[in-house]
Amino acid sequence: MSLTLSHTTGPAEPPLRDLTLGELLAWAAETTPDRVALIEGRPDPAARRQWTYAELYRDALRTARALRAQFEPGERVAVWAPNLPEWVLLEFGCALAGVVLVTVNPAFRAHELEYVLKQSRAAGVFVIEAFRGNPMHATVQQVAPACPELRQVVRFDRWADFLAAGDAPGITLPAVKSTDPVMIQYTSGTTGFPKGALLHHRGLANNGAHTAHRMGIRDGAVWVTTMPLFHTGGCVCCVLGAVSVRATNVLVEAFEPGLVLELFDTYRGAAMVGVPTMLVAMMEHPAFATTDMSHVQGICSGGSLVPEALVRRFEQQLGAPFTIVFGQTECSPVATMTRPDDSVADKARTIGTPLPHVEVKIVDPATGATLPVGQVGEFCTRGYLVMHGYFENPEATAAAIDADGWLHTGDLCAMDARGYCTVQGRLKDMIIRGGENIYPKEIEELLFKHPMVGEVAVVGLPDDKWGEVVAAFVRPAPGQVVDKELLTAYLREQLSPHKTPKHWFVLDAFPLTGSGKIQKFKLRERWLAGEFTEA
């Protein structure tokens, strides 16, 4: 194949499966009932619970009945917790009950949580007491009065009581279709305000399966899940990807390199999806040298490009092929991916080719015309993987998905004659820190409200560890002196820690366009040239 236009489609195999997430789990339980499906990867081996596929399906059905005792099909139920086995049960339970699961980052603070609960019109929220110093249950109680449609708060430490509600006679589960919505994941666009991507069974089930297939993971392998479940990288690529190959999923509550290495060693781990910072931390851990990694079949990464030297290091030291995924939440989430047998150069410099049944083109952002190969334009994708739209936001949906079904991602890419794509930048100013998307406008709007700040621009700066880190360029308000410690404390009260700027710079004036807009790329260029000193 040698393309002249930047438009290509992934292979026809493996085929698309027209099934729901509940049917995916039922298939695994019916065909391999006694295989271990889920292991709770806690630090204490004696405290690790586990489920066979038959047991996982049984408990997912019980979860679904308990949900139906309190919620109607189509209602939204939020989950605010780290990687717990009950999170996975809730994912499948909602799918079986026809309830839409709303995933929430455990690092969120009160106003972020309130926004998600209100915008999704969540009828319930499942919450852990606290995690990493974040008083989550207390925060739910704090924001609940401002969420008029929230009627149920379920604590994970009272899970048994919740399940018992579903044991009443007469509770039936609805007929669920593969095209039905099953999940809302929040993401942001140019406005900086989160939008809820409404995702469907067919998109998630097939995307998880095809990602696992391209990684080269064999049936019955052991999958060590370190990605957070609130993100599609965790609940789709890892959870659904693992079930699609009837794998044993070892679920890590929170990434710690020593624990992850022990789990690989103990359970003969074969697969992992992780951002580069996780993989580096594992290889730099003292236990790496004595960990048995001989069973690894594939390691996958995403969220940022990986330098060629690091790709070589991963493959040499992990002893398995390394792949890169690219996409966004709105496409369930993977559109393109490298292959295990691609060259190191392609793995480091490209984002691969489309997944099966996925169409990709590069267009002129101004005209929408498909560009010749090699030219930079907006990355668009079409197929089973595209979301239904943004929940109750038709204007944003219309801006993202055109009349022909193409999802416009806002990413600037180029395609070569083979169909391999490279990322050139972003139409949006999104910052990707260690695989986490950060939206400058959200941070800027909070800083604008502080009396110390006259004007601010939040920019992503390159970083060896995280890929990018957050930097704030501030012009003080008249008569004010910028105190970065005070501003940091102010942001930490309202934002997740990873969104807090690492670098602070004070300016008298910003470089502006002719229309008065701040030229962020010039700030980045001047920083790279060493023109700024830290506040």
Protein backbone atom coordinates (compact mmCIF):
# COMPACT_ATOMS: atom_id res chain seq x y z
CA MET A 1 0.00 0.00 0.00
CA SER A 2 1.25 3.45 -0.93
CA LEU A 3 -1.11 6.31 -0.17
CA THR A 4 -1.21 9.67 -1.89
CA LEU A 5 -3.95 11.16 0.30
CA SER A 6 -3.93 11.06 4.11
CA HIS A 7 -6.90 8.70 4.42
CA THR A 8 -6.73 5.05 5.44
CA THR A 9 -8.68 2.29 7.21
CA GLY A 10 -7.50 -0.40 9.60
CA PRO A 11 -7.67 -4.13 8.81
CA ALA A 12 -10.89 -6.16 8.66
CA GLU A 13 -9.64 -8.69 11.22
CA PRO A 14 -10.37 -9.43 13.97
CA PRO A 15 -14.09 -8.95 13.26
CA LEU A 16 -16.33 -6.53 15.12
CA ARG A 17 -18.45 -8.19 17.80
CA ASP A 18 -21.97 -6.89 18.29
CA LEU A 19 -22.22 -7.36 22.03
CA THR A 20 -22.68 -5.53 25.32
CA LEU A 21 -20.17 -5.44 28.18
CA GLY A 22 -22.41 -7.84 30.10
CA GLU A 23 -22.42 -10.26 27.17
CA LEU A 24 -18.62 -10.00 26.94
CA LEU A 25 -18.28 -11.06 30.59
CA ALA A 26 -20.94 -13.78 30.16
CA TRP A 27 -18.97 -15.22 27.20
CA ALA A 28 -15.78 -15.40 29.29
CA ALA A 29 -17.66 -16.97 32.22
CA GLU A 30 -19.39 -19.56 30.02
CA THR A 31 -16.22 -20.59 28.17
CA THR A 32 -13.68 -20.45 31.03
CA PRO A 33 -15.74 -20.52 34.25
CA ASP A 34 -12.96 -21.79 36.52
CA ARG A 35 -10.19 -19.53 35.24
CA VAL A 36 -9.15 -16.80 37.70
CA ALA A 37 -10.54 -13.53 36.34
CA LEU A 38 -9.62 -10.93 38.94
CA ILE A 39 -7.04 -10.67 41.71
CA GLU A 40 -6.89 -7.79 44.16
CA GLY A 41 -3.22 -6.75 43.95
CA ARG A 42 -2.82 -5.50 47.52
CA PRO A 43 0.61 -5.25 49.19
CA ASP A 44 -0.29 -8.00 51.68
CA PRO A 45 -0.58 -11.29 49.75
CA ALA A 46 -2.76 -12.77 52.50
CA ALA A 47 -5.35 -10.02 51.97
CA ARG A 48 -5.70 -10.50 48.21
CA ARG A 49 -9.21 -11.50 47.18
CA GLN A 50 -9.81 -13.23 43.87
CA TRP A 51 -12.68 -14.23 41.58
CA THR A 52 -12.99 -16.87 38.88
CA TYR A 53 -14.85 -15.81 35.74
CA ALA A 54 -17.95 -17.66 36.96
CA GLU A 55 -17.74 -15.86 40.31
CA LEU A 56 -17.10 -12.47 38.70
CA TYR A 57 -20.14 -12.84 36.45
CA ARG A 58 -22.28 -14.04 39.37
CA ASP A 59 -21.27 -11.02 41.48
CA ALA A 60 -21.71 -8.65 38.54
CA LEU A 61 -25.29 -9.93 38.11
CA ARG A 62 -25.92 -9.43 41.81
CA THR A 63 -24.48 -5.91 41.53
CA ALA A 64 -26.80 -5.25 38.59
CA ARG A 65 -29.85 -6.37 40.55
CA ALA A 66 -28.84 -4.17 43.49
CA LEU A 67 -28.52 -1.23 41.10
CA ARG A 68 -31.95 -1.95 39.62
CA ALA A 69 -33.44 -1.90 43.12
CA GLN A 70 -32.50 1.80 43.34
CA PHE A 71 -32.00 3.12 39.79
CA GLU A 72 -33.81 3.09 36.47
CA PRO A 73 -32.17 2.08 33.17
CA GLY A 74 -30.60 5.14 31.58
CA GLU A 75 -29.95 6.90 34.88
CA ARG A 76 -26.42 7.94 35.70
CA VAL A 77 -24.45 6.58 38.65
CA ALA A 78 -21.01 8.00 39.51
CA VAL A 79 -18.05 6.09 40.91
CA TRP A 80 -15.44 7.99 42.91
CA ALA A 81 -12.75 5.60 44.09
CA PRO A 82 -9.31 4.19 43.25
CA ASN A 83 -8.79 0.76 41.67
CA LEU A 84 -10.98 -1.55 43.76
CA PRO A 85 -12.42 -4.91 42.67
CA GLU A 86 -15.84 -3.46 43.48
CA TRP A 87 -15.15 -0.75 40.86
CA VAL A 88 -14.89 -3.52 38.25
CA LEU A 89 -18.07 -5.15 39.56
CA LEU A 90 -19.81 -1.80 39.30
CA GLU A 91 -18.58 -1.36 35.71
CA PHE A 92 -20.14 -4.65 34.64
CA GLY A 93 -23.12 -4.30 37.00
CA CYS A 94 -24.10 -0.97 35.45
CA ALA A 95 -23.74 -2.48 31.98
CA LEU A 96 -26.07 -5.36 32.89
CA ALA A 97 -28.57 -3.04 34.59
CA GLY A 98 -28.73 -0.54 31.73
CA VAL A 99 -27.35 2.15 34.04
CA VAL A 100 -24.76 4.65 32.76
CA LEU A 101 -21.55 4.72 34.81
CA VAL A 102 -19.96 8.14 35.36
CA THR A 103 -16.27 7.86 36.22
CA VAL A 104 -14.65 10.43 38.52
CA ASN A 105 -10.94 11.03 39.17
CA PRO A 106 -10.10 10.23 42.84
CA ALA A 107 -7.86 13.32 42.92
CA PHE A 108 -10.77 15.70 42.27
CA ARG A 109 -11.65 18.37 44.80
CA ALA A 110 -15.10 19.54 45.83
CA HIS A 111 -15.89 21.92 43.00
CA GLU A 112 -14.66 19.45 40.35
CA LEU A 113 -16.81 16.67 41.83
CA GLU A 114 -19.83 18.94 42.10
CA TYR A 115 -19.54 19.92 38.45
CA VAL A 116 -19.46 16.29 37.28
CA LEU A 117 -22.35 15.18 39.49
CA LYS A 118 -24.51 18.11 38.43
CA GLN A 119 -23.70 18.06 34.71
CA SER A 120 -24.25 14.28 34.46
CA ARG A 121 -27.40 14.60 36.58
CA ALA A 122 -26.13 11.63 38.58
CA ALA A 123 -28.79 9.88 40.66
CA GLY A 124 -26.20 8.09 42.78
CA VAL A 125 -22.54 8.06 43.67
CA PHE A 126 -20.38 5.21 44.97
CA VAL A 127 -17.54 6.54 47.10
CA ILE A 128 -14.62 5.43 49.25
CA GLU A 129 -14.09 7.04 52.65
CA ALA A 130 -10.75 8.67 51.74
CA PHE A 131 -7.79 8.17 49.42
CA ARG A 132 -4.32 9.70 49.60
CA GLY A 133 -5.45 12.36 52.03
CA ASN A 134 -8.52 13.32 49.99
CA PRO A 135 -11.60 13.14 52.32
CA MET A 136 -13.86 11.77 49.60
CA HIS A 137 -16.96 10.73 51.52
CA ALA A 138 -16.97 13.99 53.46
CA THR A 139 -16.62 15.88 50.18
CA VAL A 140 -19.63 14.08 48.71
CA GLN A 141 -21.65 15.05 51.78
CA GLN A 142 -20.45 18.64 51.33
CA VAL A 143 -21.53 18.96 47.69
CA ALA A 144 -24.67 16.79 47.79
CA PRO A 145 -27.04 19.68 48.71
CA ALA A 146 -26.00 21.44 45.48
CA CYS A 147 -26.82 18.34 43.38
CA PRO A 148 -30.63 18.17 43.33
CA GLU A 149 -30.85 14.89 41.36
CA LEU A 150 -28.41 13.00 43.61
CA ARG A 151 -30.52 10.76 45.84
CA GLN A 152 -28.20 7.87 46.78
CA VAL A 153 -24.71 7.88 48.27
CA VAL A 154 -23.25 4.38 48.60
CA ARG A 155 -20.07 3.76 50.54
CA PHE A 156 -17.78 1.03 49.29
CA ASP A 157 -17.06 0.00 52.87
CA ARG A 158 -20.77 -0.90 53.07
CA TRP A 159 -20.80 -2.83 49.81
CA ALA A 160 -22.42 -5.91 51.38
CA ASP A 161 -25.39 -3.82 52.51
CA PHE A 162 -25.76 -2.41 49.01
CA LEU A 163 -25.69 -5.88 47.41
CA ALA A 164 -28.32 -7.17 49.84
CA ALA A 165 -30.80 -4.67 48.41
CA GLY A 166 -30.73 -6.60 45.16
CA ASP A 167 -31.67 -9.93 46.72
CA ALA A 168 -35.35 -9.00 46.97
CA PRO A 169 -37.60 -11.15 44.75
CA GLY A 170 -39.00 -9.74 41.54
CA ILE A 171 -36.02 -7.63 40.44
CA THR A 172 -35.46 -8.09 36.73
CA LEU A 173 -32.73 -6.81 34.46
CA PRO A 174 -33.59 -4.93 31.27
CA ALA A 175 -32.80 -5.90 27.71
CA VAL A 176 -29.62 -3.99 26.84
CA LYS A 177 -28.45 -3.29 23.28
CA SER A 178 -24.85 -2.94 22.10
CA THR A 179 -25.60 0.60 20.91
CA ASP A 180 -26.92 1.71 24.30
CA PRO A 181 -24.87 4.23 26.30
CA VAL A 182 -22.94 2.63 29.14
CA MET A 183 -20.41 5.18 30.40
CA ILE A 184 -19.71 8.91 30.67
CA GLN A 185 -16.09 9.97 30.89
CA TYR A 186 -15.31 13.65 31.40
CA THR A 187 -12.89 15.47 29.15
CA SER A 188 -12.35 19.08 28.20
CA GLY A 189 -12.12 21.09 25.03
CA THR A 190 -11.31 24.63 24.06
CA THR A 191 -13.73 26.09 26.60
CA GLY A 192 -11.84 24.50 29.46
CA PHE A 193 -15.11 23.23 30.98
CA PRO A 194 -15.38 19.44 31.21
CA LYS A 195 -17.67 17.68 28.75
CA GLY A 196 -19.08 14.22 29.33
CA ALA A 197 -18.24 11.84 26.49
CA LEU A 198 -21.20 9.43 26.22
CA LEU A 199 -19.74 6.04 25.28
CA HIS A 200 -21.56 2.89 24.16
CA HIS A 201 -21.12 -0.85 24.72
CA ARG A 202 -20.10 -1.70 21.16
CA GLY A 203 -17.38 0.95 21.06
CA LEU A 204 -15.83 0.01 24.39
CA ALA A 205 -16.03 -3.78 24.02
CA ASN A 206 -14.42 -3.84 20.58
CA ASN A 207 -11.83 -1.16 21.31
CA GLY A 208 -10.55 -3.00 24.39
CA ALA A 209 -10.43 -6.26 22.45
CA HIS A 210 -8.62 -4.86 19.43
CA THR A 211 -6.06 -3.06 21.59
CA ALA A 212 -5.25 -6.33 23.37
CA HIS A 213 -5.07 -8.16 20.04
CA ARG A 214 -2.62 -5.69 18.55
CA MET A 215 -0.50 -5.86 21.71
CA GLY A 216 -0.15 -9.58 21.00
CA ILE A 217 -1.66 -10.78 24.29
CA ARG A 218 -2.60 -14.45 24.19
CA ASP A 219 -5.73 -16.05 25.63
CA GLY A 220 -5.51 -16.69 29.36
CA ALA A 221 -2.51 -14.45 29.99
CA VAL A 222 -2.02 -12.50 33.22
CA TRP A 223 -2.69 -8.76 32.91
CA VAL A 224 -1.32 -6.43 35.58
CA THR A 225 -3.53 -3.34 35.67
CA THR A 226 -1.82 -0.21 36.95
CA MET A 227 -3.76 2.39 34.96
CA PRO A 228 -6.49 4.16 36.96
CA LEU A 229 -9.95 2.76 36.30
CA PHE A 230 -11.57 6.21 36.11
CA HIS A 231 -9.66 6.64 32.82
CA THR A 232 -10.45 4.69 29.65
CA GLY A 233 -6.86 3.41 29.74
CA GLY A 234 -7.86 1.45 32.85
CA CYS A 235 -11.52 0.50 32.54
CA VAL A 236 -11.42 -0.13 28.76
CA CYS A 237 -7.91 -1.03 27.57
CA CYS A 238 -7.09 -3.01 30.72
CA VAL A 239 -10.37 -4.34 32.15
CA LEU A 240 -12.23 -4.98 28.88
CA GLY A 241 -9.03 -5.83 27.02
CA ALA A 242 -8.28 -8.49 29.64
CA VAL A 243 -11.78 -10.01 29.52
CA SER A 244 -11.62 -10.10 25.70
CA VAL A 245 -8.72 -12.56 25.96
CA ARG A 246 -10.11 -14.19 29.14
CA ALA A 247 -7.04 -13.02 31.03
CA THR A 248 -6.40 -12.99 34.74
CA ASN A 249 -6.50 -9.32 35.72
CA VAL A 250 -4.29 -8.36 38.68
CA LEU A 251 -5.70 -5.02 39.81
CA VAL A 252 -3.30 -2.57 41.49
CA GLU A 253 -5.05 -0.01 43.73
CA ALA A 254 -2.38 2.64 43.22
CA PHE A 255 0.86 2.38 41.29
CA GLU A 256 3.94 1.59 43.36
CA PRO A 257 6.85 0.14 41.35
CA GLY A 258 8.00 -2.37 43.95
CA LEU A 259 4.49 -3.78 44.35
CA VAL A 260 3.94 -4.01 40.60
CA LEU A 261 7.20 -5.90 40.16
CA GLU A 262 6.22 -8.32 42.92
CA LEU A 263 2.86 -8.93 41.23
CA PHE A 264 4.58 -9.61 37.89
CA ASP A 265 6.88 -12.05 39.65
CA THR A 266 4.22 -13.81 41.73
CA TYR A 267 1.56 -14.19 39.06
CA ARG A 268 3.78 -14.48 35.95
CA GLY A 269 2.53 -11.21 34.53
CA ALA A 270 2.28 -11.07 30.73
CA ALA A 271 0.73 -7.70 29.92
CA MET A 272 0.61 -4.12 31.15
CA VAL A 273 -0.57 -0.76 29.92
CA GLY A 274 1.27 2.13 31.55
CA VAL A 275 2.52 5.61 30.90
CA PRO A 276 6.31 5.87 30.37
CA THR A 277 6.93 7.26 33.87
CA MET A 278 5.55 4.02 35.36
CA LEU A 279 7.83 1.83 33.24
CA VAL A 280 10.89 3.91 34.04
CA ALA A 281 10.10 3.74 37.77
CA MET A 282 9.82 -0.05 37.57
CA MET A 283 13.15 -0.46 35.74
CA GLU A 284 14.91 1.87 38.16
CA HIS A 285 13.57 0.04 41.23
CA PRO A 286 16.14 -2.12 43.11
CA ALA A 287 13.87 -5.18 42.79
CA PHE A 288 13.80 -5.07 39.00
CA ALA A 289 17.05 -7.01 38.64
CA THR A 290 15.63 -9.99 40.55
CA THR A 291 12.09 -9.91 39.13
CA ASP A 292 11.09 -12.67 36.71
CA MET A 293 9.80 -10.82 33.63
CA SER A 294 10.18 -13.81 31.33
CA HIS A 295 6.42 -14.24 30.91
CA VAL A 296 5.81 -10.74 29.52
CA GLN A 297 4.11 -10.85 26.10
CA GLY A 298 3.51 -7.16 25.55
CA ILE A 299 3.79 -3.75 27.16
CA CYS A 300 1.75 -0.83 25.88
CA SER A 301 2.04 2.87 26.56
CA GLY A 302 0.24 6.04 25.62
CA GLY A 303 -0.29 9.61 26.66
CA SER A 304 3.01 10.88 25.28
CA LEU A 305 5.61 9.89 22.72
CA VAL A 306 8.50 7.78 23.93
CA PRO A 307 12.08 8.62 22.84
CA GLU A 308 13.82 6.03 20.68
CA ALA A 309 16.45 5.28 23.32
CA LEU A 310 13.70 4.60 25.86
CA VAL A 311 11.84 2.27 23.48
CA ARG A 312 15.05 0.26 23.03
CA ARG A 313 15.56 0.19 26.79
CA PHE A 314 12.00 -0.98 27.45
CA GLU A 315 12.20 -3.80 24.91
CA GLN A 316 15.66 -4.92 25.98
CA GLN A 317 15.03 -4.84 29.73
CA LEU A 318 11.40 -6.00 29.72
CA GLY A 319 12.13 -8.64 27.11
CA ALA A 320 8.91 -8.04 25.20
CA PRO A 321 7.59 -5.91 22.35
CA PHE A 322 6.48 -2.39 23.19
CA THR A 323 3.53 -0.66 21.53
CA ILE A 324 2.10 2.87 21.58
CA VAL A 325 -1.60 3.79 21.51
CA PHE A 326 -3.10 7.08 20.36
CA GLY A 327 -6.62 8.43 20.61
CA GLN A 328 -8.87 10.22 23.03
CA THR A 329 -11.76 9.48 25.35
CA GLU A 330 -14.25 10.38 22.63
CA CYS A 331 -13.09 7.42 20.50
CA SER A 332 -13.36 4.73 23.17
CA PRO A 333 -10.30 5.55 23.42
CA VAL A 334 -7.79 4.12 20.86
CA ALA A 335 -7.78 5.10 17.18
CA THR A 336 -4.24 4.19 16.06
CA MET A 337 -1.54 1.97 17.49
CA THR A 338 1.89 0.70 16.59
CA ARG A 339 2.50 -3.02 16.14
CA PRO A 340 4.78 -5.30 18.15
CA ASP A 341 6.93 -5.96 15.07
CA ASP A 342 7.26 -2.30 14.04
CA SER A 343 10.74 -0.83 13.98
CA VAL A 344 12.02 1.02 17.03
CA ALA A 345 11.99 4.19 14.94
CA ASP A 346 8.29 3.78 14.11
CA LYS A 347 7.44 3.09 17.74
CA ALA A 348 9.31 6.20 18.87
CA ARG A 349 8.36 8.62 16.10
CA THR A 350 4.85 7.56 15.08
CA ILE A 351 1.51 6.65 16.61
CA GLY A 352 1.07 3.72 14.26
CA THR A 353 -1.82 2.87 11.97
CA PRO A 354 -5.58 2.58 12.60
CA LEU A 355 -7.01 -0.25 14.66
CA PRO A 356 -9.26 -2.76 12.85
CA HIS A 357 -12.42 -1.25 11.36
CA VAL A 358 -11.22 2.28 12.19
CA GLU A 359 -10.98 4.99 9.54
CA VAL A 360 -8.49 7.87 9.88
CA LYS A 361 -7.83 10.94 7.77
CA ILE A 362 -5.82 14.14 8.09
CA VAL A 363 -7.69 17.27 7.00
CA ASP A 364 -7.06 20.96 6.52
CA PRO A 365 -8.54 22.50 9.69
CA ALA A 366 -9.83 25.48 7.73
CA THR A 367 -11.45 23.72 4.75
CA GLY A 368 -11.96 20.12 5.90
CA ALA A 369 -10.26 18.83 2.75
CA THR A 370 -8.23 15.63 3.02
CA LEU A 371 -4.56 16.52 2.73
CA PRO A 372 -1.84 14.84 0.65
CA VAL A 373 0.43 12.51 2.61
CA GLY A 374 3.13 14.28 4.58
CA GLN A 375 1.13 17.45 5.18
CA VAL A 376 0.13 18.49 8.70
CA GLY A 377 -3.56 18.84 9.52
CA GLU A 378 -6.23 17.78 11.98
CA PHE A 379 -6.51 14.10 12.89
CA CYS A 380 -10.06 12.79 12.30
CA THR A 381 -11.42 9.30 12.89
CA ARG A 382 -14.65 7.46 12.07
CA GLY A 383 -16.18 4.08 12.86
CA TYR A 384 -17.69 1.97 15.63
CA LEU A 385 -15.41 3.68 18.19
CA VAL A 386 -16.86 7.22 18.02
CA MET A 387 -18.91 8.31 21.05
CA HIS A 388 -22.62 9.07 20.80
CA GLY A 389 -21.76 12.66 21.70
CA TYR A 390 -21.23 14.89 24.70
CA PHE A 391 -23.92 14.33 27.32
CA GLU A 392 -26.63 17.00 27.03
CA ASN A 393 -24.30 19.26 25.06
CA PRO A 394 -25.50 19.25 21.43
CA GLU A 395 -23.45 22.30 20.45
CA ALA A 396 -20.17 20.69 21.54
CA THR A 397 -21.20 17.42 19.91
CA ALA A 398 -21.89 19.14 16.60
CA ALA A 399 -18.49 20.86 16.80
CA ALA A 400 -16.72 17.53 17.41
CA ILE A 401 -18.60 15.11 15.10
CA ASP A 402 -19.42 16.27 11.60
CA ALA A 403 -22.39 15.30 9.44
CA ASP A 404 -20.46 12.38 7.93
CA GLY A 405 -19.63 10.88 11.34
CA TRP A 406 -16.03 12.01 11.53
CA LEU A 407 -14.72 12.84 15.01
CA HIS A 408 -12.47 15.91 14.84
CA THR A 409 -9.88 15.40 17.58
CA GLY A 410 -8.12 18.76 17.60
CA ASP A 411 -4.75 17.00 17.27
CA LEU A 412 -2.36 18.12 14.55
CA CYS A 413 -0.87 15.12 12.77
CA ALA A 414 0.64 13.97 9.49
CA MET A 415 0.27 10.62 7.70
CA ASP A 416 2.93 8.97 5.57
CA ALA A 417 2.39 6.83 2.46
CA ARG A 418 2.17 3.68 4.63
CA GLY A 419 -0.68 5.08 6.74
CA TYR A 420 1.53 5.69 9.80
CA CYS A 421 0.71 8.92 11.62
CA THR A 422 2.89 11.32 13.58
CA VAL A 423 1.77 13.92 16.10
CA GLN A 424 2.85 17.46 15.28
CA GLY A 425 1.02 19.44 17.96
CA ARG A 426 -2.48 20.33 19.11
CA LEU A 427 -5.10 22.75 17.97
CA LYS A 428 -6.03 22.93 21.62
CA ASP A 429 -3.52 23.88 24.28
CA MET A 430 -3.96 20.66 26.22
CA ILE A 431 -1.03 19.63 28.43
CA ILE A 432 -0.27 15.91 28.80
CA ARG A 433 1.53 15.25 32.08
CA GLY A 434 2.43 11.59 32.58
CA GLY A 435 -0.51 10.52 30.44
CA GLU A 436 -3.00 12.81 32.22
CA ASN A 437 -4.73 15.51 30.21
CA ILE A 438 -4.61 18.98 31.78
CA TYR A 439 -6.53 21.93 30.38
CA PRO A 440 -4.90 25.34 30.92
CA LYS A 441 -8.11 27.34 30.80
CA GLU A 442 -9.43 25.69 33.98
CA ILE A 443 -6.27 26.69 35.88
CA GLU A 444 -6.17 30.14 34.29
CA GLU A 445 -9.73 30.94 35.27
CA LEU A 446 -9.04 30.14 38.91
CA LEU A 447 -5.85 32.21 38.92
CA PHE A 448 -7.64 35.14 37.28
CA LYS A 449 -9.94 35.24 40.30
CA HIS A 450 -7.03 35.77 42.72
CA PRO A 451 -6.37 39.45 43.57
CA MET A 452 -2.64 38.90 43.16
CA VAL A 453 -3.02 38.04 39.46
CA GLY A 454 -3.51 40.61 36.72
CA GLU A 455 -3.04 38.30 33.76
CA VAL A 456 -1.94 34.67 33.39
CA ALA A 457 -1.08 32.09 30.75
CA VAL A 458 -0.73 28.42 31.64
CA VAL A 459 1.58 26.50 29.30
CA GLY A 460 2.95 22.98 29.05
CA LEU A 461 6.74 22.83 29.20
CA PRO A 462 8.81 19.76 28.22
CA ASP A 463 9.99 17.56 31.09
CA ASP A 464 12.19 14.45 31.02
CA LYS A 465 10.12 12.59 33.61
CA TRP A 466 6.51 13.60 32.90
CA GLY A 467 6.68 14.49 29.20
CA GLU A 468 5.16 17.87 30.00
CA VAL A 469 4.64 19.83 33.19
CA VAL A 470 2.42 22.79 34.00
CA ALA A 471 3.94 26.28 34.06
CA ALA A 472 2.16 29.53 34.96
CA PHE A 473 3.30 32.85 33.47
CA VAL A 474 1.82 35.63 35.60
CA ARG A 475 1.61 39.40 35.24
CA PRO A 476 0.89 40.75 38.75
CA ALA A 477 -2.13 42.92 39.40
CA PRO A 478 -1.23 46.60 40.04
CA GLY A 479 0.50 47.00 43.38
CA GLN A 480 0.76 43.24 43.91
CA VAL A 481 3.79 40.95 44.26
CA VAL A 482 3.42 37.35 43.11
CA ASP A 483 3.88 34.78 45.89
CA LYS A 484 3.98 31.36 44.25
CA GLU A 485 3.56 29.53 47.57
CA LEU A 486 0.29 31.35 48.25
CA LEU A 487 -0.95 30.79 44.70
CA THR A 488 0.02 27.12 44.86
CA ALA A 489 -1.90 26.68 48.13
CA TYR A 490 -4.87 28.51 46.62
CA LEU A 491 -4.97 26.15 43.62
CA ARG A 492 -4.46 23.03 45.70
CA GLU A 493 -7.65 23.83 47.63
CA GLN A 494 -9.66 23.64 44.42
CA LEU A 495 -7.76 21.48 41.93
CA SER A 496 -6.18 18.07 41.75
CA PRO A 497 -2.47 18.14 42.69
CA HIS A 498 -1.26 17.18 39.18
CA LYS A 499 -2.83 20.35 37.77
CA THR A 500 -0.81 22.65 40.05
CA PRO A 501 1.95 24.48 38.15
CA LYS A 502 5.45 23.18 38.75
CA HIS A 503 7.04 26.36 37.35
CA TRP A 504 6.06 29.98 38.02
CA PHE A 505 7.31 32.96 36.05
CA VAL A 506 6.53 36.65 36.51
CA LEU A 507 6.23 38.93 33.46
CA ASP A 508 5.62 42.62 32.91
CA ALA A 509 3.91 41.94 29.57
CA PHE A 510 2.96 39.03 27.32
CA PRO A 511 3.76 38.48 23.65
CA LEU A 512 0.46 39.11 21.84
CA THR A 513 -1.12 38.47 18.46
CA GLY A 514 -2.47 41.35 16.43
CA SER A 515 -5.88 40.68 17.96
CA GLY A 516 -4.51 40.78 21.50
CA LYS A 517 -4.34 37.06 22.26
CA ILE A 518 -1.38 35.72 24.23
CA GLN A 519 1.08 33.80 22.06
CA LYS A 520 1.75 30.78 24.24
CA PHE A 521 4.12 29.23 21.75
CA LYS A 522 6.39 32.27 22.12
CA LEU A 523 6.41 31.85 25.90
CA ARG A 524 7.50 28.25 25.38
CA GLU A 525 10.17 29.27 22.87
CA ARG A 526 11.54 31.96 25.17
CA TRP A 527 11.64 29.53 28.09
CA LEU A 528 13.55 27.02 25.95
CA ALA A 529 15.97 29.83 25.07
CA GLY A 530 16.59 30.43 28.79
CA GLU A 531 15.02 33.87 28.96
CA PHE A 532 12.96 33.27 32.11
CA THR A 533 13.96 32.69 35.73
CA GLU A 534 11.69 31.07 38.31
CA ALA A 535 9.60 33.29 40.56
